[in-house]
Amino acid sequence: MAKRQDRLMQDEPEVTSGVGPERLCAVTRENRDARELIRFVLSPDGIIVPDLDRRLPGRGVWVGCDRKLVEKAVATQAFSKSLKMKAEAPADLADRVDGLIVKRVTGAFSLANKAGLAVAGFEKVFAALEKGPVRAVLHGADAAVDGRSKIDRKYKAIQADRGKPAAIVNVLTIAQMSLAIGRGSVVHAALTPGGLSDRFLEEAERLARYRHSMIEAAPGAANEFSEFSS
């Protein structure tokens, strides 16, 4: 009995690769970098809940950071099979995960803004590009294409001259961006270099990966993408 309890409290052993620790995806049965998966645990009342921080107690079930895989995990009862016991996975689990990641993205954007790393507005973004290094450019997912393309062309040209990737993020709506920094109608924004800007990009990358919407890989930059869209 004690051994069974220990098994239920611990994740499967890590598999170490040249890149970092790996975990087994409960759906594909493939070992993948832990950063490319989402950890789920069983709550005390027998409900599967996401553990995006990977800190909740209990044995974790790992699923690739892909909405389709989460949906398949629910449909095939992959959580119960991995835990070898009854585990109720909510039908809307994939939606819940999306909402939680969005909150992390908007929260990171809010913190970067409070730290003075964000500028908002078409003209201010253009001025920031001309003034100095810009870590990322943000557009509302529902922003007009013409305004986005003008900023993007300039940003990509500047970054190409510097030999650096252009991080362009389109995963949040105008309303979500506006709410995150407490301003009206934030359509375009930019983040200057800093730790909180890097944190924002990490969360934005996860949301883009989850929605299966990464556009193109940044040349020469592992685990970073030159464009994230919803």
Protein backbone atom coordinates (compact mmCIF):
# COMPACT_ATOMS: atom_id res chain seq x y z
CA MET A 1 0.00 0.00 0.00
CA ALA A 2 2.81 2.39 0.88
CA LYS A 3 4.53 1.70 -2.44
CA ARG A 4 1.29 2.44 -4.30
CA GLN A 5 0.88 5.75 -2.49
CA ASP A 6 4.48 6.68 -3.33
CA ARG A 7 3.82 5.92 -6.98
CA LEU A 8 0.74 8.14 -7.00
CA MET A 9 2.68 11.02 -5.45
CA GLN A 10 5.60 10.97 -7.87
CA ASP A 11 5.98 11.70 -11.57
CA GLU A 12 7.57 9.19 -13.87
CA PRO A 13 11.38 9.46 -13.76
CA GLU A 14 12.93 12.16 -15.93
CA VAL A 15 14.79 11.18 -19.08
CA THR A 16 17.76 13.48 -19.55
CA SER A 17 18.73 14.51 -23.06
CA GLY A 18 21.37 16.84 -24.38
CA VAL A 19 18.88 19.70 -24.25
CA GLY A 20 17.22 19.22 -20.86
CA PRO A 21 14.94 16.96 -18.80
CA GLU A 22 12.30 15.10 -20.77
CA ARG A 23 8.93 13.65 -19.83
CA LEU A 24 6.66 11.11 -21.45
CA CYS A 25 3.61 12.56 -23.21
CA ALA A 26 0.56 10.57 -22.10
CA VAL A 27 -1.00 10.87 -25.57
CA THR A 28 1.82 10.38 -28.07
CA ARG A 29 3.92 8.21 -25.71
CA GLU A 30 6.99 10.12 -26.83
CA ASN A 31 9.66 11.61 -24.58
CA ARG A 32 9.77 15.37 -25.07
CA ASP A 33 11.46 18.34 -23.47
CA ALA A 34 9.50 19.16 -20.32
CA ARG A 35 9.19 22.75 -21.50
CA GLU A 36 7.12 21.51 -24.44
CA LEU A 37 4.55 19.76 -22.27
CA ILE A 38 1.87 20.67 -19.75
CA ARG A 39 1.70 18.95 -16.39
CA PHE A 40 -1.67 17.87 -14.97
CA VAL A 41 -2.41 16.52 -11.50
CA LEU A 42 -5.35 14.91 -9.77
CA SER A 43 -7.10 17.17 -7.26
CA PRO A 44 -8.27 15.80 -3.87
CA ASP A 45 -11.79 15.47 -5.28
CA GLY A 46 -10.63 13.39 -8.24
CA ILE A 47 -10.63 16.12 -10.91
CA ILE A 48 -7.75 16.62 -13.35
CA VAL A 49 -6.35 20.16 -13.12
CA PRO A 50 -3.56 21.89 -15.08
CA ASP A 51 -0.31 22.62 -13.23
CA LEU A 52 1.37 25.21 -15.43
CA ASP A 53 3.94 26.06 -12.75
CA ARG A 54 4.74 22.36 -12.23
CA ARG A 55 4.58 22.78 -8.46
CA LEU A 56 1.35 21.12 -7.33
CA PRO A 57 1.74 18.00 -5.19
CA GLY A 58 0.85 14.61 -6.54
CA ARG A 59 1.90 12.55 -9.49
CA GLY A 60 1.86 14.49 -12.74
CA VAL A 61 0.49 13.43 -16.08
CA TRP A 62 2.30 15.17 -18.91
CA VAL A 63 0.69 16.10 -22.22
CA GLY A 64 2.22 17.96 -25.15
CA CYS A 65 1.54 21.70 -25.15
CA ASP A 66 -0.96 21.41 -27.96
CA ARG A 67 -4.70 21.97 -27.68
CA LYS A 68 -5.42 19.00 -29.92
CA LEU A 69 -3.40 16.70 -27.67
CA VAL A 70 -5.22 17.91 -24.55
CA GLU A 71 -8.56 17.30 -26.27
CA LYS A 72 -7.40 13.82 -27.26
CA ALA A 73 -6.22 13.11 -23.71
CA VAL A 74 -9.74 13.88 -22.46
CA ALA A 75 -11.43 11.85 -25.20
CA THR A 76 -9.24 8.77 -24.72
CA GLN A 77 -9.17 8.88 -20.90
CA ALA A 78 -5.39 9.18 -21.03
CA PHE A 79 -5.28 10.65 -17.51
CA SER A 80 -6.98 7.66 -15.90
CA LYS A 81 -4.78 5.28 -17.88
CA SER A 82 -1.58 7.06 -16.85
CA LEU A 83 -2.57 7.25 -13.18
CA LYS A 84 -4.08 3.73 -13.25
CA MET A 85 -7.08 4.99 -11.33
CA LYS A 86 -10.30 6.92 -11.95
CA ALA A 87 -9.59 10.52 -12.88
CA GLU A 88 -12.30 12.89 -14.11
CA ALA A 89 -11.11 15.19 -16.88
CA PRO A 90 -13.55 18.08 -17.50
CA ALA A 91 -14.93 18.20 -21.04
CA ASP A 92 -13.77 21.82 -21.34
CA LEU A 93 -10.24 21.13 -20.06
CA ALA A 94 -8.65 22.36 -23.28
CA ASP A 95 -10.51 25.68 -22.95
CA ARG A 96 -9.46 26.00 -19.32
CA VAL A 97 -5.81 25.49 -20.23
CA ASP A 98 -6.07 28.14 -22.96
CA GLY A 99 -7.60 30.60 -20.51
CA LEU A 100 -4.91 29.96 -17.90
CA ILE A 101 -2.10 30.51 -20.40
CA VAL A 102 -3.76 33.71 -21.63
CA LYS A 103 -3.79 34.97 -18.04
CA ARG A 104 -0.08 34.25 -17.77
CA VAL A 105 0.63 36.11 -21.00
CA THR A 106 -1.42 39.15 -20.02
CA GLY A 107 0.08 39.07 -16.53
CA ALA A 108 3.60 39.06 -17.93
CA PHE A 109 2.70 41.95 -20.24
CA SER A 110 1.28 43.88 -17.29
CA LEU A 111 4.44 43.36 -15.23
CA ALA A 112 6.66 44.43 -18.11
CA ASN A 113 4.58 47.58 -18.47
CA LYS A 114 4.82 48.37 -14.76
CA ALA A 115 8.59 47.96 -15.03
CA GLY A 116 8.68 50.63 -17.75
CA LEU A 117 9.54 48.20 -20.54
CA ALA A 118 6.38 48.71 -22.63
CA VAL A 119 5.23 51.42 -25.00
CA ALA A 120 1.83 51.45 -26.68
CA GLY A 121 0.45 53.15 -29.76
CA PHE A 122 1.47 53.15 -33.43
CA GLU A 123 3.60 56.31 -33.28
CA LYS A 124 5.26 55.36 -29.98
CA VAL A 125 6.17 51.93 -31.29
CA PHE A 126 7.70 53.47 -34.41
CA ALA A 127 9.65 55.92 -32.23
CA ALA A 128 10.87 53.08 -30.00
CA LEU A 129 12.16 51.18 -33.04
CA GLU A 130 14.16 54.20 -34.16
CA LYS A 131 15.41 55.01 -30.68
CA GLY A 132 17.00 51.74 -29.62
CA PRO A 133 16.74 47.97 -29.17
CA VAL A 134 13.24 46.49 -29.07
CA ARG A 135 12.83 42.99 -27.68
CA ALA A 136 9.37 42.34 -29.12
CA VAL A 137 6.58 43.98 -31.09
CA LEU A 138 2.99 43.20 -30.12
CA HIS A 139 -0.17 43.54 -32.21
CA GLY A 140 -3.74 42.80 -31.30
CA ALA A 141 -4.84 39.61 -33.01
CA ASP A 142 -7.77 41.58 -34.38
CA ALA A 143 -5.69 44.58 -35.48
CA ALA A 144 -5.85 45.85 -39.07
CA VAL A 145 -3.29 44.25 -41.36
CA ASP A 146 -1.97 47.50 -42.84
CA GLY A 147 -0.89 48.97 -39.50
CA ARG A 148 0.76 45.72 -38.47
CA SER A 149 2.64 45.34 -41.75
CA LYS A 150 4.14 48.84 -41.60
CA ILE A 151 5.59 48.25 -38.16
CA ASP A 152 6.68 44.71 -38.96
CA ARG A 153 8.59 45.70 -42.10
CA LYS A 154 10.55 48.32 -40.19
CA TYR A 155 11.19 46.04 -37.21
CA LYS A 156 12.33 43.12 -39.33
CA ALA A 157 14.69 45.32 -41.33
CA ILE A 158 16.25 46.74 -38.16
CA GLN A 159 16.64 43.33 -36.55
CA ALA A 160 18.11 41.88 -39.74
CA ASP A 161 20.79 44.59 -39.75
CA ARG A 162 21.60 43.65 -36.16
CA GLY A 163 21.64 39.93 -36.93
CA LYS A 164 18.83 39.29 -34.45
CA PRO A 165 15.37 37.69 -34.80
CA ALA A 166 12.26 39.86 -34.90
CA ALA A 167 9.89 38.72 -32.16
CA ILE A 168 6.41 39.65 -33.35
CA VAL A 169 3.54 38.59 -31.09
CA ASN A 170 -0.11 38.46 -32.17
CA VAL A 171 -1.58 36.13 -29.55
CA LEU A 172 -3.67 38.65 -27.58
CA THR A 173 -6.71 40.58 -28.71
CA ILE A 174 -6.85 44.37 -28.56
CA ALA A 175 -9.17 44.10 -25.56
CA GLN A 176 -6.80 41.75 -23.73
CA MET A 177 -3.79 43.98 -24.38
CA SER A 178 -5.71 47.05 -23.26
CA LEU A 179 -6.89 45.42 -20.05
CA ALA A 180 -3.41 44.12 -19.26
CA ILE A 181 -1.85 47.57 -19.11
CA GLY A 182 -4.91 49.59 -18.18
CA ARG A 183 -5.13 51.71 -21.31
CA GLY A 184 -7.85 52.17 -23.87
CA SER A 185 -7.61 50.46 -27.28
CA VAL A 186 -4.04 49.16 -27.29
CA VAL A 187 -3.62 47.94 -30.86
CA HIS A 188 0.18 48.02 -31.15
CA ALA A 189 2.87 47.86 -28.47
CA ALA A 190 6.56 47.17 -28.05
CA LEU A 191 8.75 45.81 -25.28
CA THR A 192 12.30 46.94 -24.70
CA PRO A 193 14.92 44.41 -23.51
CA GLY A 194 14.67 43.13 -19.96
CA GLY A 195 13.98 40.03 -17.93
CA LEU A 196 10.23 40.67 -17.83
CA SER A 197 10.15 41.04 -21.61
CA ASP A 198 11.86 37.66 -21.90
CA ARG A 199 9.30 36.20 -19.51
CA PHE A 200 6.47 37.60 -21.63
CA LEU A 201 7.94 35.99 -24.73
CA GLU A 202 8.22 32.63 -23.00
CA GLU A 203 4.55 32.72 -22.07
CA ALA A 204 3.53 33.99 -25.52
CA GLU A 205 5.49 31.17 -27.13
CA ARG A 206 3.68 28.64 -24.97
CA LEU A 207 0.28 30.07 -25.96
CA ALA A 208 1.23 30.04 -29.65
CA ARG A 209 2.45 26.45 -29.36
CA TYR A 210 -0.70 25.41 -27.54
CA ARG A 211 -2.87 26.91 -30.25
CA HIS A 212 -0.68 25.27 -32.85
CA SER A 213 -0.11 28.60 -34.55
CA MET A 214 3.62 29.24 -34.71
CA ILE A 215 4.45 30.92 -37.99
CA GLU A 216 8.18 30.72 -38.57
CA ALA A 217 11.26 29.80 -36.58
CA ALA A 218 13.74 32.51 -35.76
CA PRO A 219 17.01 31.74 -37.58
CA GLY A 220 19.75 30.59 -35.26
CA ALA A 221 17.67 30.94 -32.10
CA ALA A 222 16.56 27.71 -30.47
CA ASN A 223 13.15 27.73 -28.74
CA GLU A 224 12.41 31.22 -29.97
CA PHE A 225 10.11 32.25 -32.76
CA SER A 226 10.13 35.34 -34.94
CA GLU A 227 6.35 35.51 -34.98
CA PHE A 228 3.64 34.27 -32.63
CA SER A 229 0.03 34.53 -33.71
CA SER A 230 -3.34 33.40 -32.45
